Protein backbone atom coordinates (compact mmCIF):
# COMPACT_ATOMS: atom_id res chain seq x y z
CA MET A 1 91.00 50.44 -11.55
CA LYS A 2 94.55 51.10 -11.17
CA ALA A 3 96.94 51.61 -13.92
CA ASP A 4 99.23 48.72 -14.83
CA ASN A 5 102.75 50.08 -14.01
CA SER A 6 104.55 46.72 -14.22
CA ARG A 7 106.49 47.89 -17.22
CA HIS A 8 108.29 50.35 -15.11
CA LEU A 9 109.51 47.52 -12.75
CA ALA A 10 110.48 45.42 -15.87
CA ASP A 11 112.34 48.37 -17.46
CA ALA A 12 114.27 49.12 -14.14
CA ALA A 13 115.11 45.52 -13.90
CA ARG A 14 116.50 45.33 -17.36
CA VAL A 15 118.50 48.45 -16.97
CA ARG A 16 119.94 47.07 -13.70
CA ALA A 17 120.83 43.61 -15.27
CA GLU A 18 122.54 45.50 -18.23
CA ARG A 19 124.47 47.61 -15.79
CA THR A 20 125.52 44.55 -13.65
CA ARG A 21 126.53 42.61 -16.82
CA ARG A 22 128.66 45.63 -18.27
CA ARG A 23 130.59 46.06 -15.00
CA ALA A 24 131.38 42.14 -15.16
CA VAL A 25 132.54 42.38 -18.78
CA ILE A 26 134.74 45.45 -17.92
CA ALA A 27 136.11 43.48 -14.87
CA VAL A 28 137.08 40.64 -16.96
CA ARG A 29 138.75 42.79 -19.50
CA HIS A 30 140.60 44.85 -16.97
CA LEU A 31 141.82 41.88 -15.02
CA ALA A 32 142.96 40.25 -18.29
CA ARG A 33 144.63 43.23 -19.54
CA THR A 34 146.51 44.08 -16.35
CA GLY A 35 147.63 40.58 -15.74
CA GLN A 36 145.86 40.01 -12.41
CA PRO A 37 144.42 36.66 -11.45
CA LEU A 38 141.29 36.10 -13.41
CA THR A 39 138.93 34.05 -11.33
CA VAL A 40 135.34 34.14 -10.50
CA THR A 41 136.11 35.54 -7.13
CA THR A 42 138.40 38.34 -8.51
CA VAL A 43 135.77 39.27 -11.19
CA ALA A 44 133.04 39.28 -8.60
CA GLU A 45 134.85 41.57 -6.32
CA GLN A 46 136.11 43.90 -8.97
CA ALA A 47 132.56 44.21 -10.69
CA GLU A 48 130.74 44.20 -7.33
CA VAL A 49 128.55 41.38 -8.23
CA SER A 50 127.80 37.96 -6.76
CA ARG A 51 129.71 34.86 -7.56
CA SER A 52 126.55 32.98 -7.88
CA TRP A 53 125.25 35.32 -10.52
CA LEU A 54 128.69 35.02 -12.44
CA TYR A 55 128.22 31.28 -12.47
CA THR A 56 124.85 31.81 -14.33
CA GLN A 57 126.58 33.76 -17.12
CA ALA A 58 128.06 31.00 -19.35
CA ASP A 59 129.72 33.32 -21.77
CA LEU A 60 131.46 35.15 -18.96
CA LEU A 61 132.50 31.85 -17.26
CA ASP A 62 134.15 30.74 -20.66
CA GLN A 63 136.10 33.73 -20.90
CA ILE A 64 137.44 33.57 -17.42
CA ARG A 65 138.42 29.86 -18.00
CA ALA A 66 139.90 30.76 -21.40
CA GLU A 67 142.22 33.26 -19.67
CA GLN A 68 143.32 30.94 -16.93
CA PRO A 69 146.62 29.20 -17.29
CA ARG A 70 146.19 25.60 -18.54
CA THR A 71 148.56 24.06 -16.17
CA SER A 72 149.77 25.20 -12.86
CA ALA A 73 153.32 24.50 -11.58
CA PRO A 74 153.41 22.18 -8.65
CA LEU A 75 154.25 23.73 -5.41
CA THR A 76 157.67 22.84 -4.44
CA ILE A 77 159.12 23.10 -1.02
CA PRO A 78 162.61 24.21 -0.55
CA THR A 79 164.88 21.50 0.34
CA ARG A 80 165.80 22.94 3.51
CA GLN A 81 162.06 22.98 4.59
CA ALA A 82 161.19 19.59 3.36
CA ALA A 83 160.90 16.83 6.02
CA SER A 84 163.63 14.07 5.96
CA ASP A 85 162.76 10.45 6.06
CA SER A 86 163.75 9.89 9.61
CA SER A 87 161.71 12.95 10.71
CA LEU A 88 158.59 11.44 8.98
CA LYS A 89 159.26 8.07 10.63
CA GLN A 90 159.61 9.64 13.88
CA ARG A 91 156.38 11.61 13.40
CA LEU A 92 154.63 8.35 12.38
CA GLU A 93 155.92 6.42 15.49
CA ILE A 94 154.59 9.23 17.68
CA ALA A 95 151.17 9.15 16.00
CA HIS A 96 151.08 5.26 16.46
CA GLN A 97 152.19 5.74 20.20
CA ARG A 98 149.33 8.26 20.51
CA ILE A 99 146.75 5.97 18.98
CA ARG A 100 147.73 3.07 21.12
CA SER A 101 147.45 5.35 24.23
CA LEU A 102 143.99 6.47 23.25
CA GLU A 103 142.84 2.91 22.34
CA ALA A 104 143.95 1.92 25.93
CA ASP A 105 142.29 4.87 27.50
CA ASN A 106 138.97 4.09 25.29
CA GLN A 107 139.06 0.50 26.44
CA GLN A 108 139.49 1.42 30.18
CA LEU A 109 136.53 3.83 29.83
CA ARG A 110 134.41 1.04 28.14
CA ASP A 111 135.27 -1.26 31.03
CA ALA A 112 134.43 1.35 33.70
CA LEU A 113 131.16 2.03 31.99
CA ALA A 114 130.31 -1.52 31.81
CA GLN A 115 131.10 -1.97 35.57
CA ALA A 116 128.86 0.88 36.42
CA LEU A 117 125.94 -0.24 34.36
CA GLY A 118 126.36 -3.80 35.81
CA ASP A 119 126.52 -2.16 39.41
CA ARG A 120 123.39 -0.01 38.71
CA ARG A 121 121.50 -3.01 37.33
CA ALA A 122 122.48 -5.08 40.36
CA THR A 123 121.23 -2.63 42.87
CA ARG A 124 118.04 -1.68 41.13
CA PRO A 125 115.00 -2.99 42.84
CA ARG A 126 113.28 -5.88 40.95
CA TYR A 127 109.69 -5.64 40.21
CA THR A 128 108.00 -8.85 40.02
CA SER A 129 104.62 -9.40 38.32
CA ASN A 130 101.76 -11.03 40.43
């Protein structure tokens, strides 16, 4: 009978898990201390762990969320880059024209298909039952 060496596998898995966790904790601390963005993605990249693994670590997720800013400033577009009302209205009108054109094309294709199916049905030989 072979010796049961499963404890060696269990020990190796435990050591690997501890190292992984240690890398993640160090990454969270480093990112928080240096003021870099602290997100699951940045921690995963820094610690060289998977994001899915991080999502299984509730305490690390709590730390990441605690370090994130509570509110983010809304993105503002500089005035010179913002679209004017007339520009938006023009774009809307162009979109409506395009929709009308596509609807007309669509109807024309439906009519052509109906005609083709009707012609095919009309030319098909009829089978009668005896």
